[in-house]
Amino acid sequence: MMQLSRPDYLPPNRKNISGKLLDEVYDTVKSNMENNLKGKVICMALDAKYKEAGGKALVLPQDVRWNTLADCLESYVNNWHYLVKVCSEHRSILDLTIVRKGQDVEFKENVENYLKKLKKVAIALDLIQKDLCVLSNCTHIWKDLLSSDWLPEEADKLKARFKAAMTPAHCAAYILDPNYNGDGLSEEEDTIGMEFLDSSCPNAMKDVLAYRARSYPFGVHV
């Protein structure tokens, strides 16, 4: 078929393909790679130097896993001095942009400050994701997070998230849980919780009021 379409073409036989032609392709690719990598350091080599210095595996953030951003920043901060060491010892063969970023003390301090705040959110997310985290626990975690030290604009955003997440059932659960007894709820939140209980279980309101007043059959030990 090939000879009919192009009579002067002779296809290579098996011996040439596995021998001479394969060797020629190998030599060409090898030569190209050597030219491209000449004067450069392969990432694997730098990674080996980093680990040799004592650096631990760095974490990259992933959209499908919660808290990986905090883990990413924490791994960077914990291993910063190893990164600086590698940049200093191999400065002549590294891109200057990488060296400057690796040794940027101000950037590292900014990451540390950001991580302090992000860590609070990460811990809260871990607690909320526990198998035994019920509505009252969730409300307590939110309240604890809101009481942390935030900048005004950060606090406003957090409060907006809190209002979007909380439901009347959360307030009611926080009131009835003996671990919390509604402590820390605002007057509005307390009213919302009690109205929810009244509309959901009107027959139980007498006991709810007795529980909150610590009267019979509920004692001060509850």
N, C-alpha and C. Protein backbone atom coordinates (compact mmCIF):
# COMPACT_ATOMS: atom_id res chain seq x y z
N MET A 1 0.84 -1.21 0.00
CA MET A 1 0.00 0.00 0.00
C MET A 1 0.88 1.26 0.00
N MET A 2 1.90 1.27 0.88
CA MET A 2 2.82 2.41 0.95
C MET A 2 3.61 2.56 -0.34
N GLN A 3 4.03 1.43 -0.90
CA GLN A 3 4.81 1.49 -2.14
C GLN A 3 3.97 1.97 -3.32
N LEU A 4 2.65 1.67 -3.31
CA LEU A 4 1.78 2.13 -4.39
C LEU A 4 1.60 3.65 -4.33
N SER A 5 1.46 4.21 -3.09
CA SER A 5 1.28 5.64 -2.93
C SER A 5 2.59 6.41 -3.07
N ARG A 6 3.68 5.75 -2.67
CA ARG A 6 5.01 6.40 -2.77
C ARG A 6 6.05 5.32 -3.04
N PRO A 7 6.28 5.02 -4.29
CA PRO A 7 7.14 3.88 -4.69
C PRO A 7 8.56 3.98 -4.15
N ASP A 8 9.09 5.21 -4.01
CA ASP A 8 10.49 5.34 -3.60
C ASP A 8 10.69 5.28 -2.09
N TYR A 9 9.56 5.14 -1.32
CA TYR A 9 9.67 5.10 0.14
C TYR A 9 9.83 3.67 0.63
N LEU A 10 10.84 3.45 1.47
CA LEU A 10 11.07 2.14 2.07
C LEU A 10 10.84 2.24 3.57
N PRO A 11 9.76 1.68 4.11
CA PRO A 11 9.49 1.76 5.55
C PRO A 11 10.59 1.06 6.34
N PRO A 12 10.92 1.58 7.52
CA PRO A 12 11.98 0.95 8.33
C PRO A 12 11.53 -0.42 8.82
N ASN A 13 12.48 -1.32 8.87
CA ASN A 13 12.16 -2.65 9.39
C ASN A 13 12.29 -2.67 10.91
N ARG A 14 11.92 -3.78 11.52
CA ARG A 14 11.92 -3.89 12.96
C ARG A 14 13.30 -3.65 13.56
N LYS A 15 14.32 -4.12 12.87
CA LYS A 15 15.69 -3.98 13.37
C LYS A 15 16.09 -2.51 13.46
N ASN A 16 15.74 -1.73 12.42
CA ASN A 16 16.10 -0.31 12.43
C ASN A 16 15.34 0.48 13.48
N ILE A 17 14.04 0.13 13.64
CA ILE A 17 13.22 0.86 14.62
C ILE A 17 13.72 0.63 16.03
N SER A 18 14.04 -0.60 16.38
CA SER A 18 14.48 -0.93 17.74
C SER A 18 15.97 -0.68 17.94
N GLY A 19 16.67 -0.39 16.88
CA GLY A 19 18.12 -0.19 17.01
C GLY A 19 18.55 1.20 16.64
N LYS A 20 18.91 1.39 15.38
CA LYS A 20 19.51 2.64 14.91
C LYS A 20 18.59 3.85 15.14
N LEU A 21 17.32 3.77 14.72
CA LEU A 21 16.42 4.92 14.85
C LEU A 21 16.13 5.26 16.31
N LEU A 22 15.96 4.24 17.14
CA LEU A 22 15.70 4.47 18.57
C LEU A 22 16.90 5.15 19.23
N ASP A 23 18.10 4.72 18.85
CA ASP A 23 19.31 5.34 19.40
C ASP A 23 19.42 6.80 18.98
N GLU A 24 19.04 7.10 17.74
CA GLU A 24 19.12 8.47 17.24
C GLU A 24 18.13 9.37 17.98
N VAL A 25 16.91 8.87 18.22
CA VAL A 25 15.92 9.64 18.95
C VAL A 25 16.37 9.88 20.39
N TYR A 26 16.92 8.84 21.02
CA TYR A 26 17.41 8.95 22.39
C TYR A 26 18.50 10.00 22.50
N ASP A 27 19.47 9.96 21.57
CA ASP A 27 20.57 10.92 21.59
C ASP A 27 20.07 12.35 21.38
N THR A 28 19.06 12.52 20.50
CA THR A 28 18.51 13.85 20.24
C THR A 28 17.80 14.42 21.48
N VAL A 29 16.96 13.59 22.11
CA VAL A 29 16.24 14.03 23.31
C VAL A 29 17.21 14.33 24.45
N LYS A 30 18.21 13.48 24.61
CA LYS A 30 19.20 13.67 25.67
C LYS A 30 19.96 14.97 25.48
N SER A 31 20.35 15.25 24.23
CA SER A 31 21.08 16.47 23.92
C SER A 31 20.23 17.71 24.20
N ASN A 32 18.95 17.65 23.82
CA ASN A 32 18.04 18.77 24.06
C ASN A 32 17.85 19.04 25.55
N MET A 33 17.69 17.99 26.33
CA MET A 33 17.50 18.13 27.76
C MET A 33 18.74 18.69 28.44
N GLU A 34 19.90 18.24 28.00
CA GLU A 34 21.15 18.75 28.58
C GLU A 34 21.30 20.24 28.30
N ASN A 35 20.94 20.67 27.10
CA ASN A 35 21.04 22.09 26.75
C ASN A 35 20.03 22.93 27.54
N ASN A 36 18.81 22.39 27.72
CA ASN A 36 17.77 23.13 28.44
C ASN A 36 18.08 23.26 29.93
N LEU A 37 18.74 22.24 30.51
CA LEU A 37 19.02 22.23 31.94
C LEU A 37 20.40 22.75 32.29
N LYS A 38 21.16 23.13 31.29
CA LYS A 38 22.52 23.60 31.52
C LYS A 38 22.49 24.87 32.38
N GLY A 39 23.24 24.83 33.50
CA GLY A 39 23.30 25.98 34.39
C GLY A 39 22.11 26.13 35.31
N LYS A 40 21.20 25.14 35.33
CA LYS A 40 20.01 25.21 36.16
C LYS A 40 20.02 24.08 37.18
N VAL A 41 19.25 24.29 38.26
CA VAL A 41 19.13 23.26 39.29
C VAL A 41 17.75 22.63 39.19
N ILE A 42 17.71 21.34 39.13
CA ILE A 42 16.42 20.64 39.04
C ILE A 42 15.72 20.72 40.40
N CYS A 43 14.40 20.87 40.36
CA CYS A 43 13.62 21.01 41.59
C CYS A 43 13.86 19.85 42.55
N MET A 44 14.00 18.65 42.00
CA MET A 44 14.23 17.48 42.85
C MET A 44 15.53 17.62 43.63
N ALA A 45 16.54 18.22 42.99
CA ALA A 45 17.81 18.41 43.68
C ALA A 45 17.66 19.39 44.83
N LEU A 46 16.92 20.49 44.59
CA LEU A 46 16.68 21.46 45.64
C LEU A 46 15.84 20.87 46.77
N ASP A 47 14.89 20.06 46.40
CA ASP A 47 14.05 19.40 47.40
C ASP A 47 14.90 18.51 48.29
N ALA A 48 15.87 17.82 47.69
CA ALA A 48 16.76 16.97 48.46
C ALA A 48 17.61 17.80 49.43
N LYS A 49 18.07 18.97 48.97
CA LYS A 49 18.85 19.85 49.84
C LYS A 49 18.00 20.38 50.99
N TYR A 50 16.75 20.68 50.68
CA TYR A 50 15.82 21.19 51.69
C TYR A 50 15.58 20.15 52.77
N LYS A 51 15.32 18.91 52.35
CA LYS A 51 15.09 17.84 53.31
C LYS A 51 16.35 17.50 54.09
N GLU A 52 17.48 17.61 53.41
CA GLU A 52 18.77 17.35 54.07
C GLU A 52 19.03 18.37 55.18
N ALA A 53 18.57 19.60 54.97
CA ALA A 53 18.73 20.65 55.97
C ALA A 53 17.80 20.45 57.17
N GLY A 54 16.80 19.57 57.02
CA GLY A 54 15.86 19.30 58.11
C GLY A 54 14.44 19.75 57.83
N GLY A 55 14.18 20.28 56.64
CA GLY A 55 12.85 20.75 56.30
C GLY A 55 11.84 19.62 56.16
N LYS A 56 10.62 19.89 56.61
CA LYS A 56 9.53 18.91 56.50
C LYS A 56 8.71 19.20 55.24
N ALA A 57 7.91 18.23 54.85
CA ALA A 57 7.09 18.37 53.64
C ALA A 57 6.15 19.56 53.78
N LEU A 58 6.13 20.41 52.76
CA LEU A 58 5.24 21.57 52.75
C LEU A 58 3.86 21.15 52.27
N VAL A 59 2.84 21.85 52.74
CA VAL A 59 1.45 21.51 52.42
C VAL A 59 0.90 22.55 51.44
N LEU A 60 0.20 22.07 50.43
CA LEU A 60 -0.46 22.97 49.49
C LEU A 60 -1.96 22.99 49.78
N PRO A 61 -2.60 24.16 49.71
CA PRO A 61 -4.05 24.22 49.97
C PRO A 61 -4.85 23.51 48.89
N GLN A 62 -5.93 22.85 49.30
CA GLN A 62 -6.78 22.14 48.36
C GLN A 62 -8.23 22.54 48.60
N ASP A 63 -8.96 22.74 47.54
CA ASP A 63 -10.37 23.16 47.66
C ASP A 63 -11.24 22.08 48.28
N VAL A 64 -10.84 20.82 48.13
CA VAL A 64 -11.69 19.72 48.59
C VAL A 64 -11.40 19.34 50.04
N ARG A 65 -10.45 20.01 50.68
CA ARG A 65 -10.12 19.69 52.08
C ARG A 65 -10.13 20.97 52.91
N TRP A 66 -10.90 20.94 53.99
CA TRP A 66 -10.96 22.10 54.86
C TRP A 66 -9.64 22.27 55.60
N ASN A 67 -9.32 23.50 55.90
CA ASN A 67 -8.17 23.86 56.74
C ASN A 67 -6.82 23.66 56.09
N THR A 68 -6.78 23.28 54.80
CA THR A 68 -5.47 23.09 54.18
C THR A 68 -4.75 24.42 53.96
N LEU A 69 -5.50 25.53 53.90
CA LEU A 69 -4.85 26.84 53.78
C LEU A 69 -4.08 27.14 55.06
N ALA A 70 -4.70 26.89 56.21
CA ALA A 70 -4.02 27.09 57.49
C ALA A 70 -2.83 26.14 57.61
N ASP A 71 -3.01 24.90 57.18
CA ASP A 71 -1.91 23.92 57.22
C ASP A 71 -0.77 24.35 56.32
N CYS A 72 -1.11 24.94 55.16
CA CYS A 72 -0.11 25.42 54.21
C CYS A 72 0.74 26.52 54.84
N LEU A 73 0.08 27.51 55.43
CA LEU A 73 0.80 28.63 56.04
C LEU A 73 1.61 28.18 57.26
N GLU A 74 1.05 27.25 58.01
CA GLU A 74 1.75 26.76 59.20
C GLU A 74 3.00 25.99 58.82
N SER A 75 2.92 25.19 57.76
CA SER A 75 4.10 24.44 57.31
C SER A 75 5.18 25.38 56.79
N TYR A 76 4.75 26.50 56.17
CA TYR A 76 5.70 27.50 55.68
C TYR A 76 6.42 28.17 56.84
N VAL A 77 5.65 28.59 57.86
CA VAL A 77 6.24 29.28 59.01
C VAL A 77 7.18 28.35 59.78
N ASN A 78 6.75 27.10 59.99
CA ASN A 78 7.56 26.15 60.75
C ASN A 78 8.87 25.80 60.04
N ASN A 79 8.87 25.88 58.72
CA ASN A 79 10.06 25.48 57.96
C ASN A 79 10.77 26.66 57.30
N TRP A 80 10.39 27.87 57.71
CA TRP A 80 10.94 29.07 57.07
C TRP A 80 12.46 29.14 57.15
N HIS A 81 13.02 28.82 58.33
CA HIS A 81 14.48 28.91 58.49
C HIS A 81 15.21 27.91 57.61
N TYR A 82 14.56 26.77 57.30
CA TYR A 82 15.17 25.80 56.38
C TYR A 82 15.15 26.35 54.95
N LEU A 83 14.04 27.00 54.59
CA LEU A 83 13.94 27.61 53.26
C LEU A 83 14.98 28.71 53.08
N VAL A 84 15.16 29.50 54.13
CA VAL A 84 16.17 30.57 54.08
C VAL A 84 17.57 29.97 53.91
N LYS A 85 17.85 28.90 54.60
CA LYS A 85 19.16 28.25 54.53
C LYS A 85 19.44 27.76 53.12
N VAL A 86 18.45 27.12 52.49
CA VAL A 86 18.63 26.62 51.13
C VAL A 86 18.85 27.78 50.16
N CYS A 87 18.06 28.85 50.33
CA CYS A 87 18.21 30.02 49.46
C CYS A 87 19.58 30.67 49.61
N SER A 88 20.07 30.72 50.84
CA SER A 88 21.37 31.34 51.09
C SER A 88 22.51 30.50 50.52
N GLU A 89 22.44 29.20 50.72
CA GLU A 89 23.54 28.32 50.29
C GLU A 89 23.56 28.11 48.79
N HIS A 90 22.41 28.29 48.12
CA HIS A 90 22.33 28.04 46.67
C HIS A 90 21.89 29.29 45.92
N ARG A 91 22.23 30.44 46.48
CA ARG A 91 21.82 31.72 45.91
C ARG A 91 22.30 31.90 44.47
N SER A 92 23.50 31.43 44.17
CA SER A 92 24.10 31.67 42.85
C SER A 92 23.38 30.91 41.73
N ILE A 93 22.67 29.86 42.07
CA ILE A 93 22.02 29.05 41.03
C ILE A 93 20.50 29.15 41.07
N LEU A 94 19.99 30.03 41.95
CA LEU A 94 18.54 30.20 42.06
C LEU A 94 18.11 31.51 41.43
N ASP A 95 16.88 31.55 41.00
CA ASP A 95 16.30 32.79 40.50
C ASP A 95 16.25 33.80 41.65
N LEU A 96 16.68 35.02 41.38
CA LEU A 96 16.74 36.04 42.43
C LEU A 96 15.37 36.35 43.02
N THR A 97 14.33 36.21 42.21
CA THR A 97 12.96 36.44 42.72
C THR A 97 12.63 35.43 43.80
N ILE A 98 13.03 34.18 43.58
CA ILE A 98 12.79 33.12 44.57
C ILE A 98 13.58 33.40 45.84
N VAL A 99 14.83 33.82 45.68
CA VAL A 99 15.68 34.11 46.83
C VAL A 99 15.10 35.25 47.67
N ARG A 100 14.67 36.33 46.99
CA ARG A 100 14.11 37.47 47.71
C ARG A 100 12.85 37.09 48.47
N LYS A 101 11.98 36.32 47.83
CA LYS A 101 10.74 35.92 48.50
C LYS A 101 11.02 34.96 49.64
N GLY A 102 11.98 34.07 49.43
CA GLY A 102 12.32 33.11 50.48
C GLY A 102 12.91 33.75 51.72
N GLN A 103 13.60 34.88 51.55
CA GLN A 103 14.27 35.55 52.66
C GLN A 103 13.53 36.80 53.13
N ASP A 104 12.33 37.00 52.64
CA ASP A 104 11.55 38.20 52.99
C ASP A 104 10.98 38.06 54.40
N VAL A 105 11.60 38.75 55.37
CA VAL A 105 11.19 38.65 56.77
C VAL A 105 9.81 39.30 56.98
N GLU A 106 9.57 40.41 56.32
CA GLU A 106 8.29 41.10 56.47
C GLU A 106 7.14 40.22 55.99
N PHE A 107 7.34 39.54 54.86
CA PHE A 107 6.31 38.63 54.34
C PHE A 107 6.04 37.51 55.32
N LYS A 108 7.11 36.98 55.90
CA LYS A 108 6.96 35.89 56.87
C LYS A 108 6.18 36.35 58.10
N GLU A 109 6.44 37.59 58.57
CA GLU A 109 5.72 38.13 59.72
C GLU A 109 4.24 38.34 59.39
N ASN A 110 3.96 38.79 58.18
CA ASN A 110 2.56 38.96 57.75
C ASN A 110 1.83 37.63 57.73
N VAL A 111 2.52 36.58 57.26
CA VAL A 111 1.93 35.24 57.23
C VAL A 111 1.64 34.77 58.66
N GLU A 112 2.57 35.03 59.57
CA GLU A 112 2.39 34.62 60.97
C GLU A 112 1.17 35.31 61.59
N ASN A 113 1.02 36.60 61.33
CA ASN A 113 -0.13 37.34 61.87
C ASN A 113 -1.44 36.84 61.28
N TYR A 114 -1.42 36.55 59.99
CA TYR A 114 -2.62 36.03 59.33
C TYR A 114 -2.96 34.63 59.85
N LEU A 115 -1.90 33.84 60.07
CA LEU A 115 -2.11 32.47 60.55
C LEU A 115 -2.72 32.44 61.94
N LYS A 116 -2.35 33.38 62.80
CA LYS A 116 -2.91 33.42 64.15
C LYS A 116 -4.43 33.52 64.11
N LYS A 117 -4.94 34.32 63.19
CA LYS A 117 -6.38 34.48 63.07
C LYS A 117 -7.01 33.29 62.34
N LEU A 118 -6.34 32.85 61.29
CA LEU A 118 -6.88 31.74 60.51
C LEU A 118 -6.93 30.46 61.33
N LYS A 119 -5.97 30.32 62.26
CA LYS A 119 -5.91 29.11 63.09
C LYS A 119 -7.15 29.00 63.97
N LYS A 120 -7.67 30.14 64.44
CA LYS A 120 -8.88 30.13 65.26
C LYS A 120 -10.06 29.56 64.47
N VAL A 121 -10.15 29.96 63.20
CA VAL A 121 -11.22 29.47 62.33
C VAL A 121 -11.02 27.99 62.05
N ALA A 122 -9.77 27.59 61.82
CA ALA A 122 -9.46 26.19 61.52
C ALA A 122 -9.83 25.29 62.69
N ILE A 123 -9.51 25.72 63.91
CA ILE A 123 -9.85 24.93 65.10
C ILE A 123 -11.37 24.82 65.24
N ALA A 124 -12.06 25.94 64.99
CA ALA A 124 -13.52 25.93 65.07
C ALA A 124 -14.13 24.95 64.06
N LEU A 125 -13.59 24.95 62.85
CA LEU A 125 -14.08 24.03 61.82
C LEU A 125 -13.85 22.58 62.22
N ASP A 126 -12.70 22.29 62.80
CA ASP A 126 -12.41 20.92 63.25
C ASP A 126 -13.39 20.49 64.33
N LEU A 127 -13.70 21.38 65.25
CA LEU A 127 -14.63 21.04 66.34
C LEU A 127 -16.04 20.82 65.81
N ILE A 128 -16.47 21.66 64.87
CA ILE A 128 -17.82 21.55 64.32
C ILE A 128 -17.98 20.27 63.50
N GLN A 129 -16.88 19.79 62.91
CA GLN A 129 -16.96 18.60 62.07
C GLN A 129 -16.92 17.30 62.87
N LYS A 130 -16.76 17.38 64.20
CA LYS A 130 -16.73 16.16 65.00
C LYS A 130 -18.08 15.44 64.94
N ASP A 131 -18.03 14.14 65.09
CA ASP A 131 -19.25 13.32 64.99
C ASP A 131 -20.27 13.69 66.07
N LEU A 132 -19.81 14.09 67.25
CA LEU A 132 -20.72 14.34 68.37
C LEU A 132 -21.00 15.83 68.58
N CYS A 133 -20.77 16.63 67.57
CA CYS A 133 -21.04 18.07 67.69
C CYS A 133 -22.52 18.32 67.40
N VAL A 134 -23.27 18.72 68.44
CA VAL A 134 -24.71 18.97 68.29
C VAL A 134 -24.92 20.49 68.20
N LEU A 135 -26.19 20.90 68.07
CA LEU A 135 -26.49 22.31 67.85
C LEU A 135 -25.96 23.21 68.96
N SER A 136 -26.08 22.77 70.20
CA SER A 136 -25.61 23.60 71.31
C SER A 136 -24.09 23.75 71.27
N ASN A 137 -23.38 22.67 70.94
CA ASN A 137 -21.92 22.74 70.81
C ASN A 137 -21.52 23.70 69.69
N CYS A 138 -22.25 23.61 68.60
CA CYS A 138 -21.98 24.48 67.45
C CYS A 138 -22.15 25.94 67.84
N THR A 139 -23.21 26.24 68.58
CA THR A 139 -23.46 27.61 69.02
C THR A 139 -22.35 28.11 69.94
N HIS A 140 -21.90 27.24 70.84
CA HIS A 140 -20.82 27.60 71.76
C HIS A 140 -19.52 27.88 71.00
N ILE A 141 -19.24 27.08 70.00
CA ILE A 141 -18.02 27.27 69.19
C ILE A 141 -18.07 28.61 68.48
N TRP A 142 -19.24 28.93 67.92
CA TRP A 142 -19.42 30.22 67.26
C TRP A 142 -19.22 31.37 68.24
N LYS A 143 -19.83 31.25 69.42
CA LYS A 143 -19.72 32.31 70.43
C LYS A 143 -18.27 32.51 70.86
N ASP A 144 -17.56 31.42 71.03
CA ASP A 144 -16.16 31.50 71.43
C ASP A 144 -15.33 32.17 70.33
N LEU A 145 -15.65 31.86 69.08
CA LEU A 145 -14.93 32.45 67.96
C LEU A 145 -15.21 33.95 67.87
N LEU A 146 -16.46 34.33 68.10
CA LEU A 146 -16.82 35.75 68.05
C LEU A 146 -16.15 36.57 69.16
N SER A 147 -15.85 35.93 70.27
CA SER A 147 -15.25 36.63 71.41
C SER A 147 -13.74 36.84 71.26
N SER A 148 -13.15 36.27 70.20
CA SER A 148 -11.71 36.42 69.98
C SER A 148 -11.41 37.84 69.51
N ASP A 149 -10.13 38.16 69.47
CA ASP A 149 -9.68 39.50 69.09
C ASP A 149 -9.65 39.64 67.58
N TRP A 150 -10.55 40.47 67.04
CA TRP A 150 -10.63 40.69 65.60
C TRP A 150 -10.61 42.18 65.30
N LEU A 151 -10.16 42.51 64.11
CA LEU A 151 -10.29 43.88 63.64
C LEU A 151 -11.77 44.16 63.39
N PRO A 152 -12.20 45.42 63.47
CA PRO A 152 -13.64 45.74 63.30
C PRO A 152 -14.25 45.16 62.03
N GLU A 153 -13.54 45.28 60.89
CA GLU A 153 -14.11 44.76 59.65
C GLU A 153 -14.16 43.24 59.65
N GLU A 154 -13.21 42.61 60.34
CA GLU A 154 -13.21 41.14 60.45
C GLU A 154 -14.37 40.69 61.33
N ALA A 155 -14.56 41.40 62.43
CA ALA A 155 -15.65 41.06 63.36
C ALA A 155 -17.01 41.21 62.68
N ASP A 156 -17.17 42.23 61.87
CA ASP A 156 -18.44 42.45 61.16
C ASP A 156 -18.74 41.29 60.21
N LYS A 157 -17.72 40.84 59.49
CA LYS A 157 -17.90 39.73 58.55
C LYS A 157 -18.22 38.43 59.29
N LEU A 158 -17.57 38.25 60.43
CA LEU A 158 -17.80 37.05 61.22
C LEU A 158 -19.21 37.03 61.79
N LYS A 159 -19.66 38.20 62.26
CA LYS A 159 -21.03 38.30 62.79
C LYS A 159 -22.07 38.03 61.71
N ALA A 160 -21.79 38.50 60.50
CA ALA A 160 -22.70 38.25 59.38
C ALA A 160 -22.79 36.75 59.09
N ARG A 161 -21.66 36.08 59.14
CA ARG A 161 -21.64 34.62 58.94
C ARG A 161 -22.41 33.91 60.06
N PHE A 162 -22.22 34.40 61.28
CA PHE A 162 -22.89 33.81 62.43
C PHE A 162 -24.41 33.91 62.29
N LYS A 163 -24.87 35.08 61.91
CA LYS A 163 -26.32 35.28 61.75
C LYS A 163 -26.88 34.41 60.64
N ALA A 164 -26.09 34.21 59.59
CA ALA A 164 -26.55 33.38 58.48
C ALA A 164 -26.61 31.90 58.87
N ALA A 165 -25.72 31.49 59.77
CA ALA A 165 -25.63 30.08 60.15
C ALA A 165 -26.61 29.69 61.26
N MET A 166 -26.85 30.63 62.18
CA MET A 166 -27.68 30.32 63.34
C MET A 166 -29.17 30.28 62.99
N THR A 167 -29.88 29.37 63.65
CA THR A 167 -31.33 29.24 63.50
C THR A 167 -31.96 29.30 64.89
N PRO A 168 -33.27 29.47 64.99
CA PRO A 168 -33.92 29.45 66.30
C PRO A 168 -33.63 28.16 67.07
N ALA A 169 -33.48 27.05 66.34
CA ALA A 169 -33.20 25.76 67.00
C ALA A 169 -31.85 25.78 67.70
N HIS A 170 -30.87 26.50 67.12
CA HIS A 170 -29.56 26.62 67.76
C HIS A 170 -29.69 27.33 69.11
N CYS A 171 -30.44 28.41 69.12
CA CYS A 171 -30.62 29.18 70.36
C CYS A 171 -31.35 28.35 71.41
N ALA A 172 -32.37 27.61 70.98
CA ALA A 172 -33.13 26.77 71.91
C ALA A 172 -32.25 25.67 72.50
N ALA A 173 -31.44 25.04 71.65
CA ALA A 173 -30.55 23.97 72.12
C ALA A 173 -29.52 24.51 73.11
N TYR A 174 -29.05 25.73 72.86
CA TYR A 174 -28.05 26.34 73.74
C TYR A 174 -28.65 26.68 75.10
N ILE A 175 -29.93 27.00 75.10
CA ILE A 175 -30.63 27.31 76.35
C ILE A 175 -30.83 26.04 77.17
N LEU A 176 -31.18 24.94 76.51
CA LEU A 176 -31.52 23.69 77.21
C LEU A 176 -30.31 22.85 77.59
N ASP A 177 -29.19 23.06 76.95
CA ASP A 177 -28.00 22.25 77.25
C ASP A 177 -27.45 22.66 78.61
N PRO A 178 -27.38 21.72 79.58
CA PRO A 178 -26.88 22.06 80.92
C PRO A 178 -25.43 22.51 80.95
N ASN A 179 -24.70 22.24 79.88
CA ASN A 179 -23.30 22.68 79.82
C ASN A 179 -23.20 24.19 79.58
N TYR A 180 -24.25 24.78 78.99
CA TYR A 180 -24.20 26.19 78.62
C TYR A 180 -25.33 27.02 79.25
N ASN A 181 -26.54 26.44 79.35
CA ASN A 181 -27.68 27.12 79.97
C ASN A 181 -27.99 28.48 79.33
N GLY A 182 -27.64 28.62 78.07
CA GLY A 182 -27.95 29.86 77.38
C GLY A 182 -27.02 31.01 77.70
N ASP A 183 -25.95 30.75 78.48
CA ASP A 183 -25.02 31.82 78.85
C ASP A 183 -24.34 32.39 77.61
N GLY A 184 -24.34 33.70 77.50
CA GLY A 184 -23.67 34.35 76.37
C GLY A 184 -24.60 34.72 75.25
N LEU A 185 -25.86 34.23 75.30
CA LEU A 185 -26.82 34.63 74.27
C LEU A 185 -27.25 36.07 74.50
N SER A 186 -27.45 36.78 73.42
CA SER A 186 -27.98 38.13 73.55
C SER A 186 -29.46 38.04 73.93
N GLU A 187 -30.02 39.17 74.36
CA GLU A 187 -31.44 39.19 74.72
C GLU A 187 -32.30 38.77 73.53
N GLU A 188 -31.93 39.22 72.36
CA GLU A 188 -32.68 38.87 71.15
C GLU A 188 -32.59 37.38 70.86
N GLU A 189 -31.37 36.82 70.99
CA GLU A 189 -31.17 35.39 70.73
C GLU A 189 -31.91 34.54 71.74
N ASP A 190 -31.90 34.96 72.99
CA ASP A 190 -32.63 34.24 74.04
C ASP A 190 -34.12 34.23 73.74
N THR A 191 -34.65 35.37 73.33
CA THR A 191 -36.08 35.47 73.00
C THR A 191 -36.42 34.57 71.82
N ILE A 192 -35.56 34.55 70.82
CA ILE A 192 -35.78 33.71 69.64
C ILE A 192 -35.81 32.24 70.04
N GLY A 193 -34.89 31.84 70.93
CA GLY A 193 -34.85 30.45 71.38
C GLY A 193 -36.08 30.06 72.16
N MET A 194 -36.53 30.92 73.07
CA MET A 194 -37.70 30.63 73.89
C MET A 194 -38.97 30.62 73.04
N GLU A 195 -39.09 31.50 72.08
CA GLU A 195 -40.25 31.51 71.19
C GLU A 195 -40.28 30.23 70.34
N PHE A 196 -39.13 29.77 69.95
CA PHE A 196 -39.06 28.52 69.18
C PHE A 196 -39.54 27.34 70.03
N LEU A 197 -39.11 27.30 71.29
CA LEU A 197 -39.54 26.22 72.18
C LEU A 197 -41.04 26.30 72.43
N ASP A 198 -41.56 27.50 72.59
CA ASP A 198 -42.98 27.69 72.86
C ASP A 198 -43.83 27.23 71.69
N SER A 199 -43.35 27.52 70.47
CA SER A 199 -44.12 27.14 69.29
C SER A 199 -43.96 25.66 68.95
N SER A 200 -42.81 25.10 69.28
CA SER A 200 -42.54 23.69 68.94
C SER A 200 -43.08 22.73 70.00
N CYS A 201 -42.90 23.09 71.27
CA CYS A 201 -43.32 22.20 72.36
C CYS A 201 -44.04 23.01 73.45
N PRO A 202 -45.23 23.52 73.15
CA PRO A 202 -45.94 24.37 74.13
C PRO A 202 -46.21 23.66 75.45
N ASN A 203 -46.44 22.35 75.39
CA ASN A 203 -46.74 21.60 76.62
C ASN A 203 -45.52 21.47 77.53
N ALA A 204 -44.33 21.69 76.97
CA ALA A 204 -43.11 21.54 77.77
C ALA A 204 -42.62 22.86 78.36
N MET A 205 -43.29 23.95 78.06
CA MET A 205 -42.80 25.27 78.49
C MET A 205 -42.76 25.41 80.01
N LYS A 206 -43.69 24.76 80.69
CA LYS A 206 -43.69 24.81 82.16
C LYS A 206 -42.39 24.23 82.70
N ASP A 207 -41.99 23.11 82.13
CA ASP A 207 -40.74 22.46 82.57
C ASP A 207 -39.52 23.29 82.15
N VAL A 208 -39.59 23.91 80.97
CA VAL A 208 -38.47 24.73 80.51
C VAL A 208 -38.26 25.91 81.44
N LEU A 209 -39.36 26.56 81.85
CA LEU A 209 -39.27 27.70 82.77
C LEU A 209 -38.76 27.26 84.13
N ALA A 210 -39.21 26.09 84.59
CA ALA A 210 -38.73 25.56 85.87
C ALA A 210 -37.24 25.23 85.78
N TYR A 211 -36.83 24.70 84.64
CA TYR A 211 -35.40 24.37 84.43
C TYR A 211 -34.55 25.64 84.47
N ARG A 212 -35.01 26.68 83.83
CA ARG A 212 -34.23 27.92 83.78
C ARG A 212 -34.20 28.62 85.15
N ALA A 213 -35.27 28.42 85.93
CA ALA A 213 -35.33 29.03 87.27
C ALA A 213 -34.67 28.15 88.32
N ARG A 214 -34.23 26.96 87.94
CA ARG A 214 -33.63 25.98 88.85
C ARG A 214 -34.58 25.60 89.99
N SER A 215 -35.86 25.57 89.66
CA SER A 215 -36.85 25.16 90.66
C SER A 215 -37.16 23.68 90.47
N TYR A 216 -38.02 23.13 91.37
CA TYR A 216 -38.34 21.71 91.34
C TYR A 216 -38.94 21.33 89.97
N PRO A 217 -38.53 20.20 89.40
CA PRO A 217 -37.62 19.17 89.93
C PRO A 217 -36.15 19.40 89.58
N PHE A 218 -35.81 20.58 89.11
CA PHE A 218 -34.43 20.87 88.75
C PHE A 218 -33.76 21.63 89.88
N GLY A 219 -32.58 21.16 90.23
CA GLY A 219 -31.84 21.80 91.32
C GLY A 219 -30.67 22.62 90.80
N VAL A 220 -29.94 23.18 91.71
CA VAL A 220 -28.79 24.01 91.32
C VAL A 220 -27.67 23.20 90.68
N HIS A 221 -27.71 21.86 90.88
CA HIS A 221 -26.65 21.02 90.32
C HIS A 221 -26.83 20.80 88.83
N VAL A 222 -27.98 21.14 88.23
CA VAL A 222 -28.24 20.94 86.82
C VAL A 222 -27.43 21.92 86.00
